[in-house]
């Protein structure tokens, strides 16, 4: 990790715990297994962008990316595009 970046595994685990969800419950909400959530949190697997968006949506988290002075809100993406 560089600078003040937080790893995706920590983000997922903190989101899940702050919403008082077990790995099984979060997995059920986003359509993946408990073992997948565990693997994401341990960073032995990387969730797809859509799965990460689904996790954040299930945990009521807003994802904003700033790139070249442009702001993108990932939760506005959907499987339909």
PDB file of N, CA and C in Angstrom:
ATOM      1  N   UNK A   1       0.835  -1.186   0.000  1.00  0.00           N
ATOM      2  CA  UNK A   1       0.000   0.000   0.000  1.00  0.00           C
ATOM      3  C   UNK A   1       0.877   1.245   0.000  1.00  0.00           C
ATOM      4  N   UNK A   2       0.455   2.243  -0.724  1.00  0.00           N
ATOM      5  CA  UNK A   2       1.194   3.493  -0.788  1.00  0.00           C
ATOM      6  C   UNK A   2       0.428   4.579  -0.053  1.00  0.00           C
ATOM      7  N   UNK A   3       1.156   5.509   0.485  1.00  0.00           N
ATOM      8  CA  UNK A   3       0.579   6.689   1.134  1.00  0.00           C
ATOM      9  C   UNK A   3      -0.509   6.328   2.133  1.00  0.00           C
ATOM     10  N   UNK A   4      -1.666   6.931   1.981  1.00  0.00           N
ATOM     11  CA  UNK A   4      -2.778   6.728   2.905  1.00  0.00           C
ATOM     12  C   UNK A   4      -3.843   5.800   2.341  1.00  0.00           C
ATOM     13  N   UNK A   5      -3.475   4.961   1.408  1.00  0.00           N
ATOM     14  CA  UNK A   5      -4.441   4.072   0.795  1.00  0.00           C
ATOM     15  C   UNK A   5      -4.813   2.936   1.745  1.00  0.00           C
ATOM     16  N   UNK A   6      -6.066   2.546   1.689  1.00  0.00           N
ATOM     17  CA  UNK A   6      -6.553   1.413   2.475  1.00  0.00           C
ATOM     18  C   UNK A   6      -6.837   0.284   1.499  1.00  0.00           C
ATOM     19  N   UNK A   7      -6.480  -0.914   1.870  1.00  0.00           N
ATOM     20  CA  UNK A   7      -6.673  -2.043   0.972  1.00  0.00           C
ATOM     21  C   UNK A   7      -8.155  -2.374   0.807  1.00  0.00           C
ATOM     22  N   UNK A   8      -8.477  -2.977  -0.317  1.00  0.00           N
ATOM     23  CA  UNK A   8      -9.871  -3.343  -0.579  1.00  0.00           C
ATOM     24  C   UNK A   8     -10.390  -4.348   0.444  1.00  0.00           C
ATOM     25  N   UNK A   9      -9.528  -5.230   0.935  1.00  0.00           N
ATOM     26  CA  UNK A   9      -9.954  -6.203   1.939  1.00  0.00           C
ATOM     27  C   UNK A   9     -10.404  -5.542   3.227  1.00  0.00           C
ATOM     28  N   UNK A  10      -9.664  -4.544   3.665  1.00  0.00           N
ATOM     29  CA  UNK A  10     -10.028  -3.796   4.883  1.00  0.00           C
ATOM     30  C   UNK A  10     -11.323  -3.032   4.660  1.00  0.00           C
ATOM     31  N   UNK A  11     -11.472  -2.446   3.477  1.00  0.00           N
ATOM     32  CA  UNK A  11     -12.701  -1.708   3.162  1.00  0.00           C
ATOM     33  C   UNK A  11     -13.907  -2.637   3.248  1.00  0.00           C
ATOM     34  N   UNK A  12     -13.818  -3.790   2.613  1.00  0.00           N
ATOM     35  CA  UNK A  12     -14.938  -4.730   2.608  1.00  0.00           C
ATOM     36  C   UNK A  12     -15.249  -5.205   4.021  1.00  0.00           C
ATOM     37  N   UNK A  13     -14.224  -5.562   4.771  1.00  0.00           N
ATOM     38  CA  UNK A  13     -14.442  -6.040   6.133  1.00  0.00           C
ATOM     39  C   UNK A  13     -15.061  -4.955   7.007  1.00  0.00           C
ATOM     40  N   UNK A  14     -14.555  -3.725   6.911  1.00  0.00           N
ATOM     41  CA  UNK A  14     -15.106  -2.626   7.712  1.00  0.00           C
ATOM     42  C   UNK A  14     -16.549  -2.310   7.330  1.00  0.00           C
ATOM     43  N   UNK A  15     -16.856  -2.336   6.026  1.00  0.00           N
ATOM     44  CA  UNK A  15     -18.234  -2.109   5.588  1.00  0.00           C
ATOM     45  C   UNK A  15     -19.158  -3.184   6.154  1.00  0.00           C
ATOM     46  N   UNK A  16     -18.728  -4.423   6.049  1.00  0.00           N
ATOM     47  CA  UNK A  16     -19.547  -5.537   6.538  1.00  0.00           C
ATOM     48  C   UNK A  16     -19.779  -5.421   8.037  1.00  0.00           C
ATOM     49  N   UNK A  17     -18.710  -5.194   8.783  1.00  0.00           N
ATOM     50  CA  UNK A  17     -18.842  -5.120  10.243  1.00  0.00           C
ATOM     51  C   UNK A  17     -19.650  -3.900  10.681  1.00  0.00           C
ATOM     52  N   UNK A  18     -19.490  -2.771  10.008  1.00  0.00           N
ATOM     53  CA  UNK A  18     -20.238  -1.572  10.391  1.00  0.00           C
ATOM     54  C   UNK A  18     -21.733  -1.734  10.134  1.00  0.00           C
ATOM     55  N   UNK A  19     -22.081  -2.658   9.235  1.00  0.00           N
ATOM     56  CA  UNK A  19     -23.486  -2.951   8.959  1.00  0.00           C
ATOM     57  C   UNK A  19     -23.966  -4.190   9.704  1.00  0.00           C
ATOM     58  N   UNK A  20     -23.122  -4.680  10.617  1.00  0.00           N
ATOM     59  CA  UNK A  20     -23.455  -5.830  11.474  1.00  0.00           C
ATOM     60  C   UNK A  20     -23.894  -7.049  10.662  1.00  0.00           C
ATOM     61  N   UNK A  21     -23.140  -7.306   9.584  1.00  0.00           N
ATOM     62  CA  UNK A  21     -23.438  -8.438   8.713  1.00  0.00           C
ATOM     63  C   UNK A  21     -22.365  -9.506   8.881  1.00  0.00           C
ATOM     64  N   UNK A  22     -22.780 -10.755   8.851  1.00  0.00           N
ATOM     65  CA  UNK A  22     -21.814 -11.847   8.799  1.00  0.00           C
ATOM     66  C   UNK A  22     -21.343 -11.974   7.350  1.00  0.00           C
ATOM     67  N   UNK A  23     -20.287 -12.728   7.150  1.00  0.00           N
ATOM     68  CA  UNK A  23     -19.831 -12.967   5.781  1.00  0.00           C
ATOM     69  C   UNK A  23     -20.910 -13.678   4.973  1.00  0.00           C
ATOM     70  N   UNK A  24     -21.618 -14.594   5.605  1.00  0.00           N
ATOM     71  CA  UNK A  24     -22.703 -15.309   4.924  1.00  0.00           C
ATOM     72  C   UNK A  24     -23.806 -14.347   4.522  1.00  0.00           C
ATOM     73  N   UNK A  25     -24.214 -13.471   5.426  1.00  0.00           N
ATOM     74  CA  UNK A  25     -25.285 -12.515   5.123  1.00  0.00           C
ATOM     75  C   UNK A  25     -24.892 -11.578   3.989  1.00  0.00           C
ATOM     76  N   UNK A  26     -23.674 -11.051   4.031  1.00  0.00           N
ATOM     77  CA  UNK A  26     -23.232 -10.164   2.954  1.00  0.00           C
ATOM     78  C   UNK A  26     -23.158 -10.929   1.636  1.00  0.00           C
ATOM     79  N   UNK A  27     -22.634 -12.128   1.685  1.00  0.00           N
ATOM     80  CA  UNK A  27     -22.571 -12.945   0.475  1.00  0.00           C
ATOM     81  C   UNK A  27     -23.950 -13.178  -0.128  1.00  0.00           C
ATOM     82  N   UNK A  28     -24.928 -13.462   0.727  1.00  0.00           N
ATOM     83  CA  UNK A  28     -26.297 -13.664   0.248  1.00  0.00           C
ATOM     84  C   UNK A  28     -26.856 -12.401  -0.388  1.00  0.00           C
ATOM     85  N   UNK A  29     -26.534 -11.252   0.168  1.00  0.00           N
ATOM     86  CA  UNK A  29     -27.040  -9.985  -0.373  1.00  0.00           C
ATOM     87  C   UNK A  29     -26.466  -9.674  -1.752  1.00  0.00           C
ATOM     88  N   UNK A  30     -25.237 -10.090  -1.992  1.00  0.00           N
ATOM     89  CA  UNK A  30     -24.593  -9.739  -3.261  1.00  0.00           C
ATOM     90  C   UNK A  30     -24.460 -10.919  -4.222  1.00  0.00           C
ATOM     91  N   UNK A  31     -24.901 -12.101  -3.797  1.00  0.00           N
ATOM     92  CA  UNK A  31     -24.907 -13.245  -4.693  1.00  0.00           C
ATOM     93  C   UNK A  31     -23.588 -13.980  -4.814  1.00  0.00           C
ATOM     94  N   UNK A  32     -22.781 -13.942  -3.741  1.00  0.00           N
ATOM     95  CA  UNK A  32     -21.543 -14.718  -3.724  1.00  0.00           C
ATOM     96  C   UNK A  32     -21.517 -15.546  -2.443  1.00  0.00           C
ATOM     97  N   UNK A  33     -20.595 -16.480  -2.365  1.00  0.00           N
ATOM     98  CA  UNK A  33     -20.522 -17.352  -1.194  1.00  0.00           C
ATOM     99  C   UNK A  33     -19.807 -16.676  -0.026  1.00  0.00           C
ATOM    100  N   UNK A  34     -19.991 -17.268   1.147  1.00  0.00           N
ATOM    101  CA  UNK A  34     -19.288 -16.807   2.345  1.00  0.00           C
ATOM    102  C   UNK A  34     -17.783 -16.897   2.113  1.00  0.00           C
ATOM    103  N   UNK A  35     -17.350 -17.972   1.460  1.00  0.00           N
ATOM    104  CA  UNK A  35     -15.916 -18.142   1.222  1.00  0.00           C
ATOM    105  C   UNK A  35     -15.366 -17.067   0.276  1.00  0.00           C
ATOM    106  N   UNK A  36     -16.195 -16.572  -0.636  1.00  0.00           N
ATOM    107  CA  UNK A  36     -15.763 -15.476  -1.511  1.00  0.00           C
ATOM    108  C   UNK A  36     -15.562 -14.205  -0.702  1.00  0.00           C
ATOM    109  N   UNK A  37     -16.517 -13.896   0.186  1.00  0.00           N
ATOM    110  CA  UNK A  37     -16.378 -12.703   1.029  1.00  0.00           C
ATOM    111  C   UNK A  37     -15.121 -12.826   1.877  1.00  0.00           C
ATOM    112  N   UNK A  38     -14.892 -13.992   2.451  1.00  0.00           N
ATOM    113  CA  UNK A  38     -13.688 -14.224   3.249  1.00  0.00           C
ATOM    114  C   UNK A  38     -12.429 -14.000   2.415  1.00  0.00           C
ATOM    115  N   UNK A  39     -12.415 -14.544   1.213  1.00  0.00           N
ATOM    116  CA  UNK A  39     -11.257 -14.393   0.328  1.00  0.00           C
ATOM    117  C   UNK A  39     -11.021 -12.930  -0.034  1.00  0.00           C
ATOM    118  N   UNK A  40     -12.101 -12.165  -0.264  1.00  0.00           N
ATOM    119  CA  UNK A  40     -11.940 -10.739  -0.559  1.00  0.00           C
ATOM    120  C   UNK A  40     -11.330 -10.017   0.639  1.00  0.00           C
ATOM    121  N   UNK A  41     -11.836 -10.320   1.833  1.00  0.00           N
ATOM    122  CA  UNK A  41     -11.342  -9.660   3.034  1.00  0.00           C
ATOM    123  C   UNK A  41      -9.882 -10.013   3.304  1.00  0.00           C
ATOM    124  N   UNK A  42      -9.499 -11.245   2.999  1.00  0.00           N
ATOM    125  CA  UNK A  42      -8.112 -11.687   3.191  1.00  0.00           C
ATOM    126  C   UNK A  42      -7.217 -11.321   2.004  1.00  0.00           C
ATOM    127  N   UNK A  43      -7.828 -10.805   0.953  1.00  0.00           N
ATOM    128  CA  UNK A  43      -7.153 -10.413  -0.279  1.00  0.00           C
ATOM    129  C   UNK A  43      -6.456 -11.583  -0.971  1.00  0.00           C
ATOM    130  N   UNK A  44      -7.076 -12.754  -0.862  1.00  0.00           N
ATOM    131  CA  UNK A  44      -6.596 -13.900  -1.631  1.00  0.00           C
ATOM    132  C   UNK A  44      -7.380 -14.028  -2.926  1.00  0.00           C
ATOM    133  N   UNK A  45      -8.413 -13.199  -3.076  1.00  0.00           N
ATOM    134  CA  UNK A  45      -9.193 -13.088  -4.310  1.00  0.00           C
ATOM    135  C   UNK A  45      -9.595 -11.621  -4.458  1.00  0.00           C
ATOM    136  N   UNK A  46      -9.812 -11.219  -5.687  1.00  0.00           N
ATOM    137  CA  UNK A  46     -10.204  -9.839  -5.973  1.00  0.00           C
ATOM    138  C   UNK A  46     -11.629  -9.853  -6.517  1.00  0.00           C
ATOM    139  N   UNK A  47     -12.540  -9.086  -5.882  1.00  0.00           N
ATOM    140  CA  UNK A  47     -13.912  -9.054  -6.414  1.00  0.00           C
ATOM    141  C   UNK A  47     -13.948  -8.312  -7.744  1.00  0.00           C
ATOM    142  N   UNK A  48     -14.887  -8.698  -8.587  1.00  0.00           N
ATOM    143  CA  UNK A  48     -15.078  -7.928  -9.817  1.00  0.00           C
ATOM    144  C   UNK A  48     -15.536  -6.530  -9.424  1.00  0.00           C
ATOM    145  N   UNK A  49     -15.434  -5.611 -10.334  1.00  0.00           N
ATOM    146  CA  UNK A  49     -15.900  -4.251 -10.046  1.00  0.00           C
ATOM    147  C   UNK A  49     -17.386  -4.281  -9.690  1.00  0.00           C
ATOM    148  N   UNK A  50     -18.170  -5.074 -10.433  1.00  0.00           N
ATOM    149  CA  UNK A  50     -19.601  -5.140 -10.143  1.00  0.00           C
ATOM    150  C   UNK A  50     -19.860  -5.708  -8.760  1.00  0.00           C
ATOM    151  N   UNK A  51     -19.118  -6.745  -8.372  1.00  0.00           N
ATOM    152  CA  UNK A  51     -19.302  -7.311  -7.031  1.00  0.00           C
ATOM    153  C   UNK A  51     -18.928  -6.298  -5.967  1.00  0.00           C
ATOM    154  N   UNK A  52     -17.846  -5.552  -6.185  1.00  0.00           N
ATOM    155  CA  UNK A  52     -17.453  -4.517  -5.221  1.00  0.00           C
ATOM    156  C   UNK A  52     -18.544  -3.452  -5.107  1.00  0.00           C
ATOM    157  N   UNK A  53     -19.115  -3.059  -6.235  1.00  0.00           N
ATOM    158  CA  UNK A  53     -20.224  -2.091  -6.225  1.00  0.00           C
ATOM    159  C   UNK A  53     -21.407  -2.671  -5.462  1.00  0.00           C
ATOM    160  N   UNK A  54     -21.723  -3.942  -5.723  1.00  0.00           N
ATOM    161  CA  UNK A  54     -22.837  -4.591  -5.027  1.00  0.00           C
ATOM    162  C   UNK A  54     -22.599  -4.647  -3.518  1.00  0.00           C
ATOM    163  N   UNK A  55     -21.369  -4.936  -3.106  1.00  0.00           N
ATOM    164  CA  UNK A  55     -21.035  -4.956  -1.679  1.00  0.00           C
ATOM    165  C   UNK A  55     -21.247  -3.574  -1.078  1.00  0.00           C
ATOM    166  N   UNK A  56     -20.757  -2.557  -1.754  1.00  0.00           N
ATOM    167  CA  UNK A  56     -20.914  -1.194  -1.246  1.00  0.00           C
ATOM    168  C   UNK A  56     -22.377  -0.784  -1.198  1.00  0.00           C
ATOM    169  N   UNK A  57     -23.138  -1.141  -2.211  1.00  0.00           N
ATOM    170  CA  UNK A  57     -24.572  -0.828  -2.203  1.00  0.00           C
ATOM    171  C   UNK A  57     -25.286  -1.548  -1.068  1.00  0.00           C
ATOM    172  N   UNK A  58     -24.953  -2.810  -0.844  1.00  0.00           N
ATOM    173  CA  UNK A  58     -25.577  -3.580   0.237  1.00  0.00           C
ATOM    174  C   UNK A  58     -25.254  -2.978   1.601  1.00  0.00           C
ATOM    175  N   UNK A  59     -24.101  -2.329   1.686  1.00  0.00           N
ATOM    176  CA  UNK A  59     -23.668  -1.719   2.949  1.00  0.00           C
ATOM    177  C   UNK A  59     -23.941  -0.217   2.984  1.00  0.00           C
ATOM    178  N   UNK A  60     -24.693   0.275   2.005  1.00  0.00           N
ATOM    179  CA  UNK A  60     -25.088   1.690   1.956  1.00  0.00           C
ATOM    180  C   UNK A  60     -23.888   2.624   1.913  1.00  0.00           C
ATOM    181  N   UNK A  61     -22.876   2.235   1.145  1.00  0.00           N
ATOM    182  CA  UNK A  61     -21.662   3.035   1.021  1.00  0.00           C
ATOM    183  C   UNK A  61     -21.597   3.677  -0.356  1.00  0.00           C
ATOM    184  N   UNK A  62     -21.167   4.905  -0.401  1.00  0.00           N
ATOM    185  CA  UNK A  62     -21.025   5.630  -1.654  1.00  0.00           C
ATOM    186  C   UNK A  62     -19.569   5.531  -2.106  1.00  0.00           C
ATOM    187  N   UNK A  63     -19.360   5.212  -3.363  1.00  0.00           N
ATOM    188  CA  UNK A  63     -18.016   5.100  -3.917  1.00  0.00           C
ATOM    189  C   UNK A  63     -17.822   6.237  -4.906  1.00  0.00           C
ATOM    190  N   UNK A  64     -16.818   7.047  -4.657  1.00  0.00           N
ATOM    191  CA  UNK A  64     -16.512   8.145  -5.562  1.00  0.00           C
ATOM    192  C   UNK A  64     -15.046   8.063  -5.951  1.00  0.00           C
ATOM    193  N   UNK A  65     -14.784   8.156  -7.243  1.00  0.00           N
ATOM    194  CA  UNK A  65     -13.419   8.131  -7.751  1.00  0.00           C
ATOM    195  C   UNK A  65     -13.159   9.459  -8.440  1.00  0.00           C
ATOM    196  N   UNK A  66     -12.039  10.062  -8.107  1.00  0.00           N
ATOM    197  CA  UNK A  66     -11.620  11.289  -8.772  1.00  0.00           C
ATOM    198  C   UNK A  66     -10.471  10.960  -9.705  1.00  0.00           C
ATOM    199  N   UNK A  67     -10.630  11.322 -10.971  1.00  0.00           N
ATOM    200  CA  UNK A  67      -9.613  11.036 -11.969  1.00  0.00           C
ATOM    201  C   UNK A  67      -9.508  12.224 -12.904  1.00  0.00           C
ATOM    202  N   UNK A  68      -8.337  12.832 -12.960  1.00  0.00           N
ATOM    203  CA  UNK A  68      -8.120  14.007 -13.812  1.00  0.00           C
ATOM    204  C   UNK A  68      -9.198  15.068 -13.606  1.00  0.00           C
ATOM    205  N   UNK A  69      -9.479  15.373 -12.365  1.00  0.00           N
ATOM    206  CA  UNK A  69     -10.465  16.388 -11.982  1.00  0.00           C
ATOM    207  C   UNK A  69     -11.897  16.046 -12.391  1.00  0.00           C
ATOM    208  N   UNK A  70     -12.151  14.790 -12.705  1.00  0.00           N
ATOM    209  CA  UNK A  70     -13.502  14.324 -12.993  1.00  0.00           C
ATOM    210  C   UNK A  70     -13.909  13.399 -11.853  1.00  0.00           C
ATOM    211  N   UNK A  71     -15.167  13.457 -11.463  1.00  0.00           N
ATOM    212  CA  UNK A  71     -15.655  12.614 -10.384  1.00  0.00           C
ATOM    213  C   UNK A  71     -16.627  11.598 -10.942  1.00  0.00           C
ATOM    214  N   UNK A  72     -16.417  10.346 -10.565  1.00  0.00           N
ATOM    215  CA  UNK A  72     -17.285   9.257 -10.995  1.00  0.00           C
ATOM    216  C   UNK A  72     -17.880   8.599  -9.766  1.00  0.00           C
ATOM    217  N   UNK A  73     -19.182   8.375  -9.778  1.00  0.00           N
ATOM    218  CA  UNK A  73     -19.845   7.676  -8.690  1.00  0.00           C
ATOM    219  C   UNK A  73     -20.157   6.261  -9.151  1.00  0.00           C
ATOM    220  N   UNK A  74     -19.459   5.285  -8.573  1.00  0.00           N
ATOM    221  CA  UNK A  74     -19.589   3.908  -9.039  1.00  0.00           C
ATOM    222  C   UNK A  74     -20.954   3.303  -8.792  1.00  0.00           C
ATOM    223  N   UNK A  75     -21.649   3.740  -7.737  1.00  0.00           N
ATOM    224  CA  UNK A  75     -22.948   3.114  -7.465  1.00  0.00           C
ATOM    225  C   UNK A  75     -23.970   3.410  -8.564  1.00  0.00           C
ATOM    226  N   UNK A  76     -23.659   4.357  -9.438  1.00  0.00           N
ATOM    227  CA  UNK A  76     -24.567   4.642 -10.546  1.00  0.00           C
ATOM    228  C   UNK A  76     -24.384   3.652 -11.689  1.00  0.00           C
ATOM    229  N   UNK A  77     -23.325   2.845 -11.636  1.00  0.00           N
ATOM    230  CA  UNK A  77     -23.133   1.810 -12.640  1.00  0.00           C
ATOM    231  C   UNK A  77     -24.057   0.645 -12.313  1.00  0.00           C
ATOM    232  N   UNK A  78     -24.447  -0.082 -13.303  1.00  0.00           N
ATOM    233  CA  UNK A  78     -25.267  -1.243 -13.032  1.00  0.00           C
ATOM    234  C   UNK A  78     -24.944  -2.352 -14.011  1.00  0.00           C
ATOM    235  N   UNK A  79     -25.469  -3.515 -13.742  1.00  0.00           N
ATOM    236  CA  UNK A  79     -25.227  -4.672 -14.606  1.00  0.00           C
ATOM    237  C   UNK A  79     -25.855  -4.476 -15.988  1.00  0.00           C
ATOM    238  N   UNK A  80     -26.735  -3.503 -16.139  1.00  0.00           N
ATOM    239  CA  UNK A  80     -27.428  -3.301 -17.399  1.00  0.00           C
ATOM    240  C   UNK A  80     -26.560  -2.632 -18.448  1.00  0.00           C
ATOM    241  N   UNK A  81     -25.455  -2.009 -18.054  1.00  0.00           N
ATOM    242  CA  UNK A  81     -24.619  -1.285 -19.013  1.00  0.00           C
ATOM    243  C   UNK A  81     -23.481  -2.122 -19.491  1.00  0.00           C
TER     244      UNK A  81
END
